[in-house]
């Protein structure tokens, strides 16, 4: 999925207030100057996040180096904390990409119930080659605690109430609930990225 170019005089394919909204106030980003940050707020148990996953994965592979995608597990209620902790445990163990595909498939294709740390421990040990000691120490680590706390702060700052929600460079918010089909979400994110890159190029002149 490549970024689509739009003629300067063509009508905008997406409408502010309908397909995306400005983040008020704009939020600080965690990338280097000249880079564009895209955040995906998700929850493993959400079928729409599962449906978006192949589009998001394909999109990420085709982005220029200055577009940085960061996944943020949305712990919007206590029941979602376990899945968020599972994601950051996978990140700390260096198996996040494999874990994403595995967890989504387990929940939505195999219809397994992953609601406790023990559920995830069995999955990590049997499918990801993680030892019991590695899983337990990482799951309960200060690093995972800190990442989870930061994810909750980010969701609050962006006013995230549903998933999947995506943000572009701390300025724009879109995703489910913005009159977009699943297949339209990532092309729209690309368009927002283009607008941001255009603004950065104009400011540099």
N, C-alpha and C. Protein backbone atom coordinates (compact mmCIF):
# COMPACT_ATOMS: atom_id res chain seq x y z
N UNK A 1 0.85 -1.18 0.00
CA UNK A 1 0.00 0.00 0.00
C UNK A 1 0.89 1.24 0.00
N UNK A 2 0.93 1.94 -1.09
CA UNK A 2 1.79 3.11 -1.19
C UNK A 2 1.00 4.37 -0.88
N UNK A 3 1.72 5.41 -0.51
CA UNK A 3 1.07 6.69 -0.23
C UNK A 3 0.56 7.26 -1.55
N UNK A 4 -0.69 7.64 -1.60
CA UNK A 4 -1.29 8.19 -2.80
C UNK A 4 -1.05 9.69 -2.86
N UNK A 5 -0.64 10.17 -4.02
CA UNK A 5 -0.42 11.61 -4.19
C UNK A 5 -1.73 12.27 -4.63
N UNK A 6 -1.96 13.47 -4.13
CA UNK A 6 -3.16 14.21 -4.48
C UNK A 6 -2.75 15.55 -5.09
N UNK A 7 -3.40 15.90 -6.17
CA UNK A 7 -3.10 17.18 -6.82
C UNK A 7 -3.44 18.32 -5.87
N UNK A 8 -2.63 19.38 -5.95
CA UNK A 8 -2.79 20.50 -5.02
C UNK A 8 -4.16 21.15 -5.16
N UNK A 9 -4.70 21.17 -6.41
CA UNK A 9 -5.98 21.83 -6.61
C UNK A 9 -7.17 20.88 -6.54
N UNK A 10 -6.91 19.61 -6.21
CA UNK A 10 -8.00 18.63 -6.11
C UNK A 10 -8.73 18.81 -4.79
N UNK A 11 -10.02 18.53 -4.76
CA UNK A 11 -10.74 18.61 -3.49
C UNK A 11 -10.21 17.59 -2.49
N UNK A 12 -10.15 17.97 -1.24
CA UNK A 12 -9.66 17.05 -0.21
C UNK A 12 -10.54 15.81 -0.16
N UNK A 13 -9.94 14.62 -0.17
CA UNK A 13 -10.74 13.39 -0.17
C UNK A 13 -11.37 13.07 1.19
N UNK A 14 -10.92 13.75 2.23
CA UNK A 14 -11.45 13.52 3.57
C UNK A 14 -11.84 14.86 4.20
N UNK A 15 -12.83 14.82 5.05
CA UNK A 15 -13.37 16.06 5.60
C UNK A 15 -13.11 16.16 7.10
N UNK A 16 -12.54 17.30 7.49
CA UNK A 16 -12.32 17.57 8.91
C UNK A 16 -13.68 17.64 9.64
N UNK A 17 -13.73 17.05 10.80
CA UNK A 17 -14.96 17.02 11.57
C UNK A 17 -15.84 15.83 11.24
N UNK A 18 -15.53 15.16 10.13
CA UNK A 18 -16.29 13.97 9.74
C UNK A 18 -15.38 12.74 9.72
N UNK A 19 -14.29 12.84 8.95
CA UNK A 19 -13.35 11.72 8.82
C UNK A 19 -12.16 11.83 9.76
N UNK A 20 -11.92 13.01 10.29
CA UNK A 20 -10.85 13.21 11.25
C UNK A 20 -11.14 14.50 12.01
N UNK A 21 -10.51 14.64 13.17
CA UNK A 21 -10.69 15.87 13.95
C UNK A 21 -9.33 16.35 14.43
N UNK A 22 -9.19 17.67 14.64
CA UNK A 22 -7.94 18.16 15.20
C UNK A 22 -7.85 17.81 16.68
N UNK A 23 -6.64 17.56 17.14
CA UNK A 23 -6.40 17.31 18.56
C UNK A 23 -6.23 18.68 19.22
N UNK A 24 -7.05 18.95 20.20
CA UNK A 24 -7.04 20.24 20.87
C UNK A 24 -6.81 20.07 22.36
N UNK A 25 -5.69 20.54 22.89
CA UNK A 25 -4.57 21.11 22.15
C UNK A 25 -3.72 20.01 21.51
N UNK A 26 -2.91 20.38 20.52
CA UNK A 26 -1.98 19.42 19.92
C UNK A 26 -1.06 18.87 21.00
N UNK A 27 -0.69 17.59 20.85
CA UNK A 27 0.09 16.92 21.87
C UNK A 27 1.57 16.81 21.47
N UNK A 28 2.47 16.81 22.46
CA UNK A 28 3.89 16.61 22.16
C UNK A 28 4.11 15.22 21.58
N UNK A 29 5.08 15.11 20.70
CA UNK A 29 5.37 13.83 20.06
C UNK A 29 6.73 13.33 20.51
N UNK A 30 7.00 12.04 20.23
CA UNK A 30 8.22 11.40 20.73
C UNK A 30 9.10 10.92 19.59
N UNK A 31 9.24 11.75 18.55
CA UNK A 31 10.10 11.40 17.42
C UNK A 31 11.06 12.54 17.17
N UNK A 32 12.02 12.30 16.29
CA UNK A 32 13.05 13.29 15.99
C UNK A 32 12.50 14.37 15.04
N UNK A 33 13.11 15.54 15.01
CA UNK A 33 12.70 16.57 14.05
C UNK A 33 12.72 16.03 12.62
N UNK A 34 11.70 16.37 11.86
CA UNK A 34 11.60 15.89 10.49
C UNK A 34 10.86 14.57 10.36
N UNK A 35 10.59 13.92 11.48
CA UNK A 35 9.83 12.67 11.47
C UNK A 35 8.36 12.96 11.78
N UNK A 36 7.48 12.07 11.31
CA UNK A 36 6.05 12.16 11.57
C UNK A 36 5.64 10.97 12.43
N UNK A 37 5.01 11.25 13.55
CA UNK A 37 4.60 10.19 14.47
C UNK A 37 3.15 9.79 14.22
N UNK A 38 2.93 8.49 14.05
CA UNK A 38 1.59 7.93 13.96
C UNK A 38 1.41 6.96 15.12
N UNK A 39 0.38 7.20 15.92
CA UNK A 39 0.06 6.30 17.04
C UNK A 39 -1.19 5.50 16.70
N UNK A 40 -1.15 4.20 17.01
CA UNK A 40 -2.36 3.38 16.91
C UNK A 40 -2.75 2.92 18.31
N UNK A 41 -3.90 3.38 18.78
CA UNK A 41 -4.47 2.90 20.03
C UNK A 41 -5.33 1.68 19.71
N UNK A 42 -5.06 0.57 20.37
CA UNK A 42 -5.73 -0.67 20.03
C UNK A 42 -6.01 -1.51 21.27
N UNK A 43 -6.86 -2.50 21.09
CA UNK A 43 -7.09 -3.53 22.10
C UNK A 43 -7.22 -4.87 21.39
N UNK A 44 -6.47 -5.86 21.86
CA UNK A 44 -6.47 -7.16 21.20
C UNK A 44 -7.87 -7.77 21.07
N UNK A 45 -8.73 -7.51 22.04
CA UNK A 45 -10.05 -8.12 22.03
C UNK A 45 -11.05 -7.47 21.09
N UNK A 46 -10.68 -6.36 20.47
CA UNK A 46 -11.62 -5.63 19.62
C UNK A 46 -11.60 -6.17 18.19
N UNK A 47 -12.75 -6.59 17.65
CA UNK A 47 -12.77 -7.16 16.29
C UNK A 47 -12.38 -6.16 15.22
N UNK A 48 -12.63 -4.87 15.45
CA UNK A 48 -12.25 -3.87 14.44
C UNK A 48 -10.74 -3.65 14.41
N UNK A 49 -10.09 -3.78 15.57
CA UNK A 49 -8.62 -3.72 15.59
C UNK A 49 -8.05 -4.92 14.84
N UNK A 50 -8.66 -6.07 15.05
CA UNK A 50 -8.24 -7.28 14.34
C UNK A 50 -8.41 -7.12 12.84
N UNK A 51 -9.53 -6.52 12.41
CA UNK A 51 -9.79 -6.32 10.99
C UNK A 51 -8.80 -5.32 10.39
N UNK A 52 -8.39 -4.32 11.17
CA UNK A 52 -7.46 -3.31 10.67
C UNK A 52 -6.03 -3.83 10.57
N UNK A 53 -5.69 -4.83 11.34
CA UNK A 53 -4.31 -5.28 11.49
C UNK A 53 -3.61 -5.56 10.15
N UNK A 54 -4.18 -6.30 9.20
CA UNK A 54 -3.45 -6.53 7.95
C UNK A 54 -3.23 -5.25 7.14
N UNK A 55 -4.18 -4.32 7.20
CA UNK A 55 -4.02 -3.04 6.52
C UNK A 55 -2.90 -2.23 7.17
N UNK A 56 -2.88 -2.23 8.50
CA UNK A 56 -1.87 -1.47 9.24
C UNK A 56 -0.48 -2.04 8.99
N UNK A 57 -0.36 -3.37 9.00
CA UNK A 57 0.93 -4.02 8.78
C UNK A 57 1.45 -3.71 7.38
N UNK A 58 0.58 -3.81 6.38
CA UNK A 58 0.99 -3.51 5.00
C UNK A 58 1.37 -2.05 4.85
N UNK A 59 0.61 -1.18 5.48
CA UNK A 59 0.88 0.26 5.42
C UNK A 59 2.25 0.57 6.01
N UNK A 60 2.55 -0.01 7.17
CA UNK A 60 3.81 0.27 7.85
C UNK A 60 5.01 -0.14 6.99
N UNK A 61 4.89 -1.24 6.27
CA UNK A 61 6.00 -1.72 5.46
C UNK A 61 6.30 -0.81 4.29
N UNK A 62 5.36 0.03 3.92
CA UNK A 62 5.52 0.86 2.73
C UNK A 62 5.68 2.34 3.04
N UNK A 63 5.98 2.66 4.28
CA UNK A 63 6.16 4.06 4.65
C UNK A 63 7.62 4.47 4.54
N UNK A 64 7.87 5.75 4.23
CA UNK A 64 9.25 6.24 4.25
C UNK A 64 9.81 6.21 5.67
N UNK A 65 11.12 6.29 5.76
CA UNK A 65 11.78 6.13 7.06
C UNK A 65 11.39 7.19 8.07
N UNK A 66 10.91 8.35 7.58
CA UNK A 66 10.61 9.42 8.53
C UNK A 66 9.19 9.33 9.09
N UNK A 67 8.43 8.31 8.71
CA UNK A 67 7.11 8.07 9.30
C UNK A 67 7.23 6.95 10.32
N UNK A 68 6.98 7.27 11.57
CA UNK A 68 7.22 6.33 12.68
C UNK A 68 5.89 5.91 13.29
N UNK A 69 5.58 4.61 13.18
CA UNK A 69 4.36 4.06 13.77
C UNK A 69 4.65 3.51 15.14
N UNK A 70 3.86 3.91 16.12
CA UNK A 70 3.97 3.37 17.47
C UNK A 70 2.62 2.82 17.89
N UNK A 71 2.58 1.58 18.29
CA UNK A 71 1.35 0.97 18.78
C UNK A 71 1.20 1.29 20.27
N UNK A 72 0.00 1.64 20.65
CA UNK A 72 -0.27 1.97 22.06
C UNK A 72 -1.49 1.15 22.51
N UNK A 73 -1.30 0.16 23.37
CA UNK A 73 -2.45 -0.59 23.85
C UNK A 73 -3.34 0.31 24.71
N UNK A 74 -4.60 0.35 24.37
CA UNK A 74 -5.53 1.26 25.07
C UNK A 74 -6.12 0.56 26.28
N UNK A 75 -5.62 0.89 27.44
CA UNK A 75 -6.16 0.36 28.69
C UNK A 75 -7.25 1.30 29.18
N UNK A 76 -8.38 1.29 28.47
CA UNK A 76 -9.45 2.25 28.77
C UNK A 76 -10.29 1.84 29.95
N UNK A 77 -10.15 0.61 30.40
CA UNK A 77 -10.83 0.14 31.60
C UNK A 77 -10.00 -0.97 32.20
N UNK A 78 -10.25 -1.34 33.46
CA UNK A 78 -9.41 -2.35 34.11
C UNK A 78 -9.37 -3.69 33.38
N UNK A 79 -10.45 -4.04 32.65
CA UNK A 79 -10.48 -5.30 31.94
C UNK A 79 -9.49 -5.34 30.78
N UNK A 80 -9.10 -4.15 30.28
CA UNK A 80 -8.16 -4.09 29.16
C UNK A 80 -6.71 -4.05 29.61
N UNK A 81 -6.49 -3.89 30.89
CA UNK A 81 -5.12 -3.78 31.41
C UNK A 81 -4.28 -5.02 31.09
N UNK A 82 -4.90 -6.20 31.20
CA UNK A 82 -4.16 -7.44 31.01
C UNK A 82 -3.60 -7.52 29.59
N UNK A 83 -4.42 -7.20 28.60
CA UNK A 83 -3.96 -7.24 27.21
C UNK A 83 -2.88 -6.20 26.97
N UNK A 84 -3.02 -5.02 27.57
CA UNK A 84 -2.00 -3.98 27.42
C UNK A 84 -0.68 -4.43 28.03
N UNK A 85 -0.76 -5.07 29.19
CA UNK A 85 0.46 -5.56 29.83
C UNK A 85 1.09 -6.68 28.99
N UNK A 86 0.26 -7.49 28.35
CA UNK A 86 0.78 -8.55 27.48
C UNK A 86 1.57 -7.95 26.31
N UNK A 87 1.03 -6.86 25.74
CA UNK A 87 1.74 -6.22 24.62
C UNK A 87 3.10 -5.70 25.07
N UNK A 88 3.15 -4.98 26.18
CA UNK A 88 4.42 -4.42 26.61
C UNK A 88 5.38 -5.50 27.12
N UNK A 89 4.85 -6.60 27.61
CA UNK A 89 5.72 -7.73 27.95
C UNK A 89 6.38 -8.26 26.69
N UNK A 90 5.60 -8.37 25.61
CA UNK A 90 6.16 -8.83 24.33
C UNK A 90 7.20 -7.85 23.80
N UNK A 91 6.94 -6.55 23.96
CA UNK A 91 7.90 -5.53 23.52
C UNK A 91 9.21 -5.69 24.27
N UNK A 92 9.13 -5.82 25.58
CA UNK A 92 10.34 -5.95 26.40
C UNK A 92 11.11 -7.22 26.06
N UNK A 93 10.40 -8.26 25.67
CA UNK A 93 11.04 -9.54 25.34
C UNK A 93 11.50 -9.59 23.88
N UNK A 94 11.19 -8.55 23.10
CA UNK A 94 11.63 -8.50 21.71
C UNK A 94 10.84 -9.39 20.77
N UNK A 95 9.58 -9.70 21.12
CA UNK A 95 8.77 -10.59 20.29
C UNK A 95 7.43 -9.95 19.93
N UNK A 96 7.38 -8.62 19.90
CA UNK A 96 6.09 -7.93 19.74
C UNK A 96 5.40 -8.27 18.42
N UNK A 97 6.14 -8.27 17.31
CA UNK A 97 5.51 -8.53 16.01
C UNK A 97 4.90 -9.93 15.97
N UNK A 98 5.64 -10.92 16.42
CA UNK A 98 5.12 -12.28 16.44
C UNK A 98 3.95 -12.40 17.41
N UNK A 99 4.07 -11.75 18.55
CA UNK A 99 3.02 -11.82 19.57
C UNK A 99 1.73 -11.19 19.07
N UNK A 100 1.82 -10.07 18.35
CA UNK A 100 0.62 -9.43 17.83
C UNK A 100 -0.20 -10.38 16.99
N UNK A 101 0.45 -10.99 16.00
CA UNK A 101 -0.24 -11.92 15.10
C UNK A 101 -0.80 -13.10 15.88
N UNK A 102 -0.01 -13.61 16.80
CA UNK A 102 -0.41 -14.78 17.58
C UNK A 102 -1.61 -14.48 18.47
N UNK A 103 -1.58 -13.35 19.17
CA UNK A 103 -2.66 -13.01 20.10
C UNK A 103 -3.95 -12.71 19.36
N UNK A 104 -3.85 -11.92 18.29
CA UNK A 104 -5.06 -11.62 17.50
C UNK A 104 -5.69 -12.92 16.98
N UNK A 105 -4.87 -13.82 16.46
CA UNK A 105 -5.39 -15.07 15.92
C UNK A 105 -6.00 -15.93 17.01
N UNK A 106 -5.36 -15.97 18.16
CA UNK A 106 -5.87 -16.78 19.27
C UNK A 106 -7.25 -16.31 19.70
N UNK A 107 -7.43 -15.00 19.78
CA UNK A 107 -8.71 -14.46 20.26
C UNK A 107 -9.79 -14.52 19.19
N UNK A 108 -9.46 -14.10 17.96
CA UNK A 108 -10.50 -13.90 16.95
C UNK A 108 -10.66 -15.06 15.97
N UNK A 109 -9.63 -15.86 15.79
CA UNK A 109 -9.73 -17.01 14.88
C UNK A 109 -9.95 -18.32 15.65
N UNK A 110 -9.21 -18.47 16.75
CA UNK A 110 -9.32 -19.69 17.55
C UNK A 110 -10.32 -19.56 18.69
N UNK A 111 -10.77 -18.33 18.93
CA UNK A 111 -11.79 -18.03 19.95
C UNK A 111 -11.35 -18.48 21.34
N UNK A 112 -10.07 -18.25 21.63
CA UNK A 112 -9.55 -18.55 22.96
C UNK A 112 -9.81 -17.37 23.89
N UNK A 113 -9.97 -17.65 25.15
CA UNK A 113 -10.17 -16.61 26.15
C UNK A 113 -8.81 -16.24 26.75
N UNK A 114 -8.36 -15.01 26.48
CA UNK A 114 -7.11 -14.52 27.06
C UNK A 114 -7.45 -13.35 27.98
N UNK A 115 -7.70 -13.65 29.22
CA UNK A 115 -8.15 -12.63 30.16
C UNK A 115 -7.29 -12.51 31.41
N UNK A 116 -6.35 -13.44 31.58
CA UNK A 116 -5.50 -13.42 32.78
C UNK A 116 -4.04 -13.53 32.38
N UNK A 117 -3.16 -13.22 33.33
CA UNK A 117 -1.73 -13.37 33.07
C UNK A 117 -1.37 -14.82 32.78
N UNK A 118 -2.06 -15.74 33.41
CA UNK A 118 -1.80 -17.17 33.18
C UNK A 118 -2.13 -17.57 31.74
N UNK A 119 -3.20 -17.00 31.20
CA UNK A 119 -3.56 -17.28 29.80
C UNK A 119 -2.44 -16.84 28.87
N UNK A 120 -1.93 -15.65 29.10
CA UNK A 120 -0.85 -15.14 28.24
C UNK A 120 0.45 -15.89 28.50
N UNK A 121 0.69 -16.27 29.72
CA UNK A 121 1.91 -17.02 30.03
C UNK A 121 1.94 -18.32 29.24
N UNK A 122 0.82 -19.04 29.21
CA UNK A 122 0.78 -20.30 28.46
C UNK A 122 1.05 -20.06 26.98
N UNK A 123 0.49 -18.98 26.45
CA UNK A 123 0.68 -18.67 25.04
C UNK A 123 2.13 -18.32 24.73
N UNK A 124 2.72 -17.47 25.56
CA UNK A 124 4.09 -17.05 25.34
C UNK A 124 5.06 -18.23 25.44
N UNK A 125 4.82 -19.11 26.39
CA UNK A 125 5.71 -20.25 26.59
C UNK A 125 5.57 -21.25 25.46
N UNK A 126 4.34 -21.55 25.08
CA UNK A 126 4.12 -22.60 24.07
C UNK A 126 4.38 -22.14 22.65
N UNK A 127 4.16 -20.85 22.36
CA UNK A 127 4.22 -20.37 20.98
C UNK A 127 5.38 -19.42 20.69
N UNK A 128 5.94 -18.81 21.70
CA UNK A 128 6.98 -17.80 21.47
C UNK A 128 8.34 -18.19 22.06
N UNK A 129 8.41 -19.36 22.65
CA UNK A 129 9.68 -19.83 23.18
C UNK A 129 10.18 -19.07 24.39
N UNK A 130 9.26 -18.45 25.12
CA UNK A 130 9.63 -17.69 26.31
C UNK A 130 9.57 -18.61 27.52
N UNK A 131 10.54 -18.50 28.42
CA UNK A 131 10.53 -19.33 29.61
C UNK A 131 9.59 -18.74 30.67
N UNK A 132 9.22 -19.58 31.62
CA UNK A 132 8.36 -19.12 32.72
C UNK A 132 9.02 -17.97 33.47
N UNK A 133 10.32 -18.09 33.72
CA UNK A 133 11.04 -17.05 34.47
C UNK A 133 11.07 -15.75 33.66
N UNK A 134 11.34 -15.85 32.35
CA UNK A 134 11.36 -14.65 31.51
C UNK A 134 10.01 -13.95 31.51
N UNK A 135 8.96 -14.74 31.36
CA UNK A 135 7.63 -14.14 31.30
C UNK A 135 7.27 -13.47 32.62
N UNK A 136 7.45 -14.17 33.71
CA UNK A 136 7.04 -13.65 35.01
C UNK A 136 7.81 -12.40 35.39
N UNK A 137 9.13 -12.44 35.21
CA UNK A 137 9.94 -11.28 35.60
C UNK A 137 9.63 -10.07 34.73
N UNK A 138 9.35 -10.30 33.46
CA UNK A 138 9.05 -9.19 32.56
C UNK A 138 7.64 -8.66 32.80
N UNK A 139 6.69 -9.55 32.94
CA UNK A 139 5.30 -9.16 33.19
C UNK A 139 5.19 -8.25 34.41
N UNK A 140 5.97 -8.55 35.44
CA UNK A 140 5.91 -7.79 36.70
C UNK A 140 6.99 -6.72 36.81
N UNK A 141 7.66 -6.41 35.71
CA UNK A 141 8.80 -5.50 35.76
C UNK A 141 8.37 -4.04 35.85
N UNK A 142 9.28 -3.23 36.37
CA UNK A 142 9.04 -1.79 36.45
C UNK A 142 8.94 -1.18 35.06
N UNK A 143 9.68 -1.75 34.09
CA UNK A 143 9.63 -1.22 32.73
C UNK A 143 8.24 -1.37 32.13
N UNK A 144 7.62 -2.52 32.33
CA UNK A 144 6.26 -2.74 31.81
C UNK A 144 5.27 -1.86 32.57
N UNK A 145 5.45 -1.75 33.88
CA UNK A 145 4.59 -0.85 34.67
C UNK A 145 4.64 0.57 34.12
N UNK A 146 5.84 1.04 33.82
CA UNK A 146 6.02 2.41 33.34
C UNK A 146 5.40 2.60 31.97
N UNK A 147 5.58 1.63 31.09
CA UNK A 147 5.00 1.74 29.74
C UNK A 147 3.48 1.74 29.80
N UNK A 148 2.92 0.91 30.66
CA UNK A 148 1.47 0.85 30.80
C UNK A 148 0.92 2.16 31.34
N UNK A 149 1.60 2.72 32.32
CA UNK A 149 1.17 4.01 32.87
C UNK A 149 1.23 5.11 31.81
N UNK A 150 2.29 5.09 31.01
CA UNK A 150 2.44 6.09 29.95
C UNK A 150 1.33 5.93 28.90
N UNK A 151 0.96 4.69 28.57
CA UNK A 151 -0.10 4.45 27.60
C UNK A 151 -1.43 5.02 28.09
N UNK A 152 -1.70 4.88 29.37
CA UNK A 152 -2.94 5.41 29.94
C UNK A 152 -2.96 6.94 29.87
N UNK A 153 -1.81 7.56 30.13
CA UNK A 153 -1.72 9.02 30.05
C UNK A 153 -1.94 9.49 28.62
N UNK A 154 -1.35 8.78 27.65
CA UNK A 154 -1.52 9.15 26.25
C UNK A 154 -2.99 9.07 25.83
N UNK A 155 -3.65 8.00 26.21
CA UNK A 155 -5.06 7.83 25.86
C UNK A 155 -5.90 8.96 26.44
N UNK A 156 -5.58 9.38 27.66
CA UNK A 156 -6.31 10.49 28.28
C UNK A 156 -6.03 11.80 27.57
N UNK A 157 -4.78 12.04 27.22
CA UNK A 157 -4.42 13.30 26.55
C UNK A 157 -5.10 13.43 25.19
N UNK A 158 -5.23 12.31 24.49
CA UNK A 158 -5.85 12.34 23.16
C UNK A 158 -7.37 12.16 23.23
N UNK A 159 -7.89 11.92 24.40
CA UNK A 159 -9.33 11.75 24.52
C UNK A 159 -9.84 10.49 23.83
N UNK A 160 -9.05 9.45 23.85
CA UNK A 160 -9.43 8.20 23.19
C UNK A 160 -10.56 7.52 23.95
N UNK A 161 -11.64 7.23 23.26
CA UNK A 161 -12.79 6.55 23.87
C UNK A 161 -13.16 5.26 23.14
N UNK A 162 -12.51 5.04 21.98
CA UNK A 162 -12.84 3.86 21.18
C UNK A 162 -11.59 3.41 20.45
N UNK A 163 -11.59 2.18 19.98
CA UNK A 163 -10.46 1.65 19.21
C UNK A 163 -10.99 0.93 17.97
N UNK A 164 -10.16 0.89 16.90
CA UNK A 164 -8.85 1.52 16.78
C UNK A 164 -8.96 3.03 16.56
N UNK A 165 -8.09 3.77 17.23
CA UNK A 165 -7.94 5.20 17.04
C UNK A 165 -6.51 5.47 16.63
N UNK A 166 -6.33 6.32 15.62
CA UNK A 166 -4.99 6.67 15.16
C UNK A 166 -4.79 8.17 15.24
N UNK A 167 -3.58 8.58 15.59
CA UNK A 167 -3.23 9.99 15.63
C UNK A 167 -2.08 10.25 14.68
N UNK A 168 -2.01 11.45 14.15
CA UNK A 168 -0.93 11.83 13.24
C UNK A 168 -0.23 13.06 13.79
N UNK A 169 1.01 12.86 14.19
CA UNK A 169 1.91 13.93 14.62
C UNK A 169 1.36 14.80 15.75
N UNK A 170 0.53 14.19 16.60
CA UNK A 170 -0.02 14.92 17.73
C UNK A 170 -1.08 15.92 17.37
N UNK A 171 -1.48 15.97 16.07
CA UNK A 171 -2.38 17.03 15.61
C UNK A 171 -3.74 16.54 15.16
N UNK A 172 -3.81 15.30 14.66
CA UNK A 172 -5.04 14.81 14.06
C UNK A 172 -5.41 13.46 14.63
N UNK A 173 -6.70 13.20 14.71
CA UNK A 173 -7.21 11.96 15.29
C UNK A 173 -8.27 11.38 14.36
N UNK A 174 -8.18 10.07 14.09
CA UNK A 174 -9.13 9.40 13.21
C UNK A 174 -9.24 7.94 13.62
N UNK A 175 -9.95 7.17 12.81
CA UNK A 175 -10.11 5.75 13.09
C UNK A 175 -11.54 5.30 13.01
N UNK A 176 -11.90 4.33 13.82
CA UNK A 176 -13.27 3.83 13.82
C UNK A 176 -14.20 4.93 14.35
N UNK A 177 -15.41 5.02 13.79
CA UNK A 177 -16.34 6.03 14.24
C UNK A 177 -16.24 7.34 13.49
N UNK A 178 -15.41 7.37 12.43
CA UNK A 178 -15.24 8.60 11.65
C UNK A 178 -15.72 8.41 10.20
N UNK A 179 -16.76 7.63 10.05
CA UNK A 179 -17.39 7.43 8.74
C UNK A 179 -16.39 6.90 7.71
N UNK A 180 -15.57 5.96 8.15
CA UNK A 180 -14.59 5.33 7.28
C UNK A 180 -14.74 3.81 7.37
N UNK A 181 -14.61 3.13 6.25
CA UNK A 181 -14.54 1.68 6.30
C UNK A 181 -13.16 1.28 6.81
N UNK A 182 -13.00 0.03 7.20
CA UNK A 182 -11.69 -0.44 7.66
C UNK A 182 -10.63 -0.20 6.59
N UNK A 183 -10.98 -0.46 5.33
CA UNK A 183 -10.02 -0.30 4.23
C UNK A 183 -9.66 1.16 3.97
N UNK A 184 -10.48 2.10 4.43
CA UNK A 184 -10.22 3.52 4.18
C UNK A 184 -9.34 4.18 5.25
N UNK A 185 -9.20 3.54 6.39
CA UNK A 185 -8.53 4.19 7.51
C UNK A 185 -7.07 4.51 7.21
N UNK A 186 -6.31 3.53 6.73
CA UNK A 186 -4.89 3.78 6.51
C UNK A 186 -4.62 4.71 5.32
N UNK A 187 -5.38 4.63 4.20
CA UNK A 187 -5.20 5.66 3.17
C UNK A 187 -5.46 7.07 3.70
N UNK A 188 -6.43 7.20 4.59
CA UNK A 188 -6.67 8.52 5.16
C UNK A 188 -5.52 8.95 6.06
N UNK A 189 -4.96 8.03 6.83
CA UNK A 189 -3.79 8.35 7.64
C UNK A 189 -2.65 8.81 6.74
N UNK A 190 -2.47 8.13 5.60
CA UNK A 190 -1.42 8.54 4.65
C UNK A 190 -1.67 9.96 4.17
N UNK A 191 -2.92 10.29 3.91
CA UNK A 191 -3.25 11.64 3.45
C UNK A 191 -2.93 12.67 4.53
N UNK A 192 -3.26 12.37 5.78
CA UNK A 192 -2.94 13.28 6.87
C UNK A 192 -1.43 13.43 7.04
N UNK A 193 -0.70 12.32 6.86
CA UNK A 193 0.76 12.39 6.92
C UNK A 193 1.28 13.32 5.83
N UNK A 194 0.72 13.19 4.63
CA UNK A 194 1.13 14.06 3.53
C UNK A 194 0.88 15.54 3.84
N UNK A 195 -0.27 15.81 4.44
CA UNK A 195 -0.56 17.21 4.79
C UNK A 195 0.47 17.72 5.78
N UNK A 196 0.83 16.89 6.73
CA UNK A 196 1.81 17.30 7.74
C UNK A 196 3.19 17.49 7.12
N UNK A 197 3.58 16.57 6.23
CA UNK A 197 4.87 16.70 5.58
C UNK A 197 4.92 17.95 4.69
N UNK A 198 3.80 18.24 4.03
CA UNK A 198 3.73 19.45 3.21
C UNK A 198 3.88 20.70 4.05
N UNK A 199 3.25 20.71 5.22
CA UNK A 199 3.36 21.86 6.11
C UNK A 199 4.79 22.03 6.62
N UNK A 200 5.46 20.89 6.93
CA UNK A 200 6.84 20.97 7.40
C UNK A 200 7.76 21.49 6.29
N UNK A 201 7.53 21.04 5.04
CA UNK A 201 8.35 21.49 3.94
C UNK A 201 8.16 22.99 3.68
N UNK A 202 6.91 23.45 3.79
CA UNK A 202 6.64 24.87 3.57
C UNK A 202 7.29 25.72 4.67
N UNK A 203 7.26 25.22 5.90
CA UNK A 203 7.84 25.97 7.02
C UNK A 203 9.36 26.06 6.91
N UNK A 204 9.95 25.05 6.23
CA UNK A 204 11.41 25.03 6.12
C UNK A 204 11.94 25.95 5.02
N UNK A 205 11.04 26.40 4.16
CA UNK A 205 11.46 27.27 3.06
C UNK A 205 11.68 28.71 3.50
